[in-house]
C-alpha atoms as a PDB file:
ATOM      1  CA  UNK A   1       0.000   0.000   0.000  1.00  0.00           C
ATOM      2  CA  UNK A   2       1.466   3.320  -1.020  1.00  0.00           C
ATOM      3  CA  UNK A   3       0.053   6.799  -0.894  1.00  0.00           C
ATOM      4  CA  UNK A   4       0.385   9.109  -3.821  1.00  0.00           C
ATOM      5  CA  UNK A   5       2.169  12.390  -3.268  1.00  0.00           C
ATOM      6  CA  UNK A   6      -1.201  14.183  -3.400  1.00  0.00           C
ATOM      7  CA  UNK A   7      -2.747  12.097  -0.575  1.00  0.00           C
ATOM      8  CA  UNK A   8      -1.625  14.366   2.309  1.00  0.00           C
ATOM      9  CA  UNK A   9      -3.406  17.256   0.645  1.00  0.00           C
ATOM     10  CA  UNK A  10      -6.713  15.370   0.430  1.00  0.00           C
ATOM     11  CA  UNK A  11      -8.311  16.869   3.553  1.00  0.00           C
ATOM     12  CA  UNK A  12      -9.698  20.301   2.931  1.00  0.00           C
ATOM     13  CA  UNK A  13      -6.857  21.297   0.647  1.00  0.00           C
ATOM     14  CA  UNK A  14      -4.664  22.051   3.653  1.00  0.00           C
ATOM     15  CA  UNK A  15      -0.967  21.343   3.344  1.00  0.00           C
ATOM     16  CA  UNK A  16      -0.115  19.093   6.262  1.00  0.00           C
ATOM     17  CA  UNK A  17       3.147  17.613   5.006  1.00  0.00           C
ATOM     18  CA  UNK A  18       5.731  18.559   2.461  1.00  0.00           C
ATOM     19  CA  UNK A  19       5.997  16.267  -0.541  1.00  0.00           C
ATOM     20  CA  UNK A  20       9.575  15.341   0.398  1.00  0.00           C
ATOM     21  CA  UNK A  21       8.398  14.078   3.793  1.00  0.00           C
ATOM     22  CA  UNK A  22       6.001  11.641   2.162  1.00  0.00           C
ATOM     23  CA  UNK A  23       8.701  10.209  -0.089  1.00  0.00           C
ATOM     24  CA  UNK A  24      11.325   9.929   2.641  1.00  0.00           C
ATOM     25  CA  UNK A  25       9.527   7.935   5.295  1.00  0.00           C
ATOM     26  CA  UNK A  26       8.219   4.506   4.334  1.00  0.00           C
ATOM     27  CA  UNK A  27       6.331   4.131   7.625  1.00  0.00           C
ATOM     28  CA  UNK A  28       4.694   7.494   7.117  1.00  0.00           C
ATOM     29  CA  UNK A  29       3.738   6.520   3.584  1.00  0.00           C
ATOM     30  CA  UNK A  30       2.040   3.334   4.818  1.00  0.00           C
ATOM     31  CA  UNK A  31       0.313   5.268   7.612  1.00  0.00           C
ATOM     32  CA  UNK A  32      -1.014   7.819   5.113  1.00  0.00           C
ATOM     33  CA  UNK A  33      -2.206   5.115   2.736  1.00  0.00           C
ATOM     34  CA  UNK A  34      -3.988   3.328   5.591  1.00  0.00           C
ATOM     35  CA  UNK A  35      -5.553   6.578   6.778  1.00  0.00           C
ATOM     36  CA  UNK A  36      -6.708   7.396   3.254  1.00  0.00           C
ATOM     37  CA  UNK A  37      -8.276   3.951   2.761  1.00  0.00           C
ATOM     38  CA  UNK A  38     -10.097   4.211   6.107  1.00  0.00           C
ATOM     39  CA  UNK A  39     -11.300   7.697   5.130  1.00  0.00           C
ATOM     40  CA  UNK A  40     -12.698   6.306   1.877  1.00  0.00           C
ATOM     41  CA  UNK A  41     -14.440   3.433   3.708  1.00  0.00           C
ATOM     42  CA  UNK A  42     -15.984   5.895   6.163  1.00  0.00           C
ATOM     43  CA  UNK A  43     -17.152   8.140   3.327  1.00  0.00           C
ATOM     44  CA  UNK A  44     -18.788   5.320   1.396  1.00  0.00           C
ATOM     45  CA  UNK A  45     -20.428   3.908   4.545  1.00  0.00           C
ATOM     46  CA  UNK A  46     -21.792   7.288   5.635  1.00  0.00           C
ATOM     47  CA  UNK A  47     -23.090   8.368   2.217  1.00  0.00           C
ATOM     48  CA  UNK A  48     -26.809   7.566   2.305  1.00  0.00           C
ATOM     49  CA  UNK A  49     -27.172   8.330  -1.412  1.00  0.00           C
ATOM     50  CA  UNK A  50     -25.091   5.366  -2.556  1.00  0.00           C
ATOM     51  CA  UNK A  51     -25.624   1.630  -2.596  1.00  0.00           C
ATOM     52  CA  UNK A  52     -22.337   1.036  -0.811  1.00  0.00           C
ATOM     53  CA  UNK A  53     -22.953  -0.285   2.681  1.00  0.00           C
ATOM     54  CA  UNK A  54     -21.057  -2.786   4.798  1.00  0.00           C
ATOM     55  CA  UNK A  55     -18.859  -5.057   2.692  1.00  0.00           C
ATOM     56  CA  UNK A  56     -19.811  -3.180  -0.463  1.00  0.00           C
ATOM     57  CA  UNK A  57     -18.444   0.037   1.082  1.00  0.00           C
ATOM     58  CA  UNK A  58     -15.073  -1.683   1.561  1.00  0.00           C
ATOM     59  CA  UNK A  59     -15.126  -2.883  -2.050  1.00  0.00           C
ATOM     60  CA  UNK A  60     -16.020   0.600  -3.300  1.00  0.00           C
ATOM     61  CA  UNK A  61     -13.316   2.174  -1.113  1.00  0.00           C
ATOM     62  CA  UNK A  62     -10.677  -0.217  -2.461  1.00  0.00           C
ATOM     63  CA  UNK A  63     -11.747   0.561  -6.024  1.00  0.00           C
ATOM     64  CA  UNK A  64     -11.647   4.288  -5.236  1.00  0.00           C
ATOM     65  CA  UNK A  65      -8.209   3.912  -3.652  1.00  0.00           C
ATOM     66  CA  UNK A  66      -6.968   2.356  -6.878  1.00  0.00           C
ATOM     67  CA  UNK A  67      -8.954   4.242  -9.506  1.00  0.00           C
ATOM     68  CA  UNK A  68     -10.031   7.455  -7.820  1.00  0.00           C
ATOM     69  CA  UNK A  69     -12.971   8.376  -5.634  1.00  0.00           C
ATOM     70  CA  UNK A  70     -14.629  10.603  -8.233  1.00  0.00           C
ATOM     71  CA  UNK A  71     -14.517   7.848 -10.838  1.00  0.00           C
ATOM     72  CA  UNK A  72     -16.261   5.346  -8.557  1.00  0.00           C
ATOM     73  CA  UNK A  73     -18.888   7.868  -7.468  1.00  0.00           C
ATOM     74  CA  UNK A  74     -19.514   8.964 -11.043  1.00  0.00           C
ATOM     75  CA  UNK A  75     -19.588   5.596 -12.807  1.00  0.00           C
ATOM     76  CA  UNK A  76     -20.097   2.983 -10.077  1.00  0.00           C
ATOM     77  CA  UNK A  77     -18.409  -0.391  -9.808  1.00  0.00           C
ATOM     78  CA  UNK A  78     -18.006  -2.777 -12.712  1.00  0.00           C
ATOM     79  CA  UNK A  79     -18.300  -0.148 -15.424  1.00  0.00           C
ATOM     80  CA  UNK A  80     -15.586   0.106 -18.107  1.00  0.00           C
ATOM     81  CA  UNK A  81     -14.312   3.352 -16.565  1.00  0.00           C
ATOM     82  CA  UNK A  82     -13.739   1.682 -13.180  1.00  0.00           C
ATOM     83  CA  UNK A  83     -12.923  -1.848 -14.312  1.00  0.00           C
ATOM     84  CA  UNK A  84      -9.299  -1.742 -13.110  1.00  0.00           C
ATOM     85  CA  UNK A  85     -10.376  -0.401  -9.717  1.00  0.00           C
ATOM     86  CA  UNK A  86     -13.036  -3.096  -9.353  1.00  0.00           C
ATOM     87  CA  UNK A  87     -10.494  -5.796 -10.307  1.00  0.00           C
ATOM     88  CA  UNK A  88      -8.065  -4.383  -7.710  1.00  0.00           C
ATOM     89  CA  UNK A  89     -10.769  -4.395  -5.021  1.00  0.00           C
ATOM     90  CA  UNK A  90     -11.832  -7.955  -5.816  1.00  0.00           C
ATOM     91  CA  UNK A  91      -8.191  -9.114  -5.793  1.00  0.00           C
ATOM     92  CA  UNK A  92      -7.549  -7.569  -2.363  1.00  0.00           C
ATOM     93  CA  UNK A  93     -10.735  -9.077  -0.945  1.00  0.00           C
ATOM     94  CA  UNK A  94      -9.833 -12.498  -2.401  1.00  0.00           C
ATOM     95  CA  UNK A  95      -6.426 -12.307  -0.684  1.00  0.00           C
ATOM     96  CA  UNK A  96      -8.150 -11.401   2.560  1.00  0.00           C
ATOM     97  CA  UNK A  97     -10.394 -14.473   2.316  1.00  0.00           C
ATOM     98  CA  UNK A  98      -7.384 -16.726   1.671  1.00  0.00           C
ATOM     99  CA  UNK A  99      -5.436 -15.268   4.597  1.00  0.00           C
ATOM    100  CA  UNK A 100      -8.378 -15.707   6.976  1.00  0.00           C
ATOM    101  CA  UNK A 101      -8.457 -19.487   6.337  1.00  0.00           C
END
C-alpha cells in the first residue's frame, strides 16, 4: 500500500506535510495510505445516497483507492471506466479471504 504524493493534501486542501516528507519515510507513507483507505471506507459507509454499505463500502473504497474516488462515485463499480479499480478491489478481498483461512 502506497500513498500518492497528493494524498496528504486530500483533507480540505490544507498542506499538512511537504511532498519530500512523504517520499522519505516509508512508515509514514504506509500510515497515510492506511488513513486514506479508512477515510474512503468511512465516506462510502456514511453516504446515504449510494448503494455502498457494509462489505460493499469496503469494495467501493478499495476501487476508489486504486482508480479514484470521483470515478467510482460517477460511474459505479463494474463499469468500463472503473474496471481496473473493481479488479483491484476484488483481488484484495480475495487475498483477505485466503489469509483468513
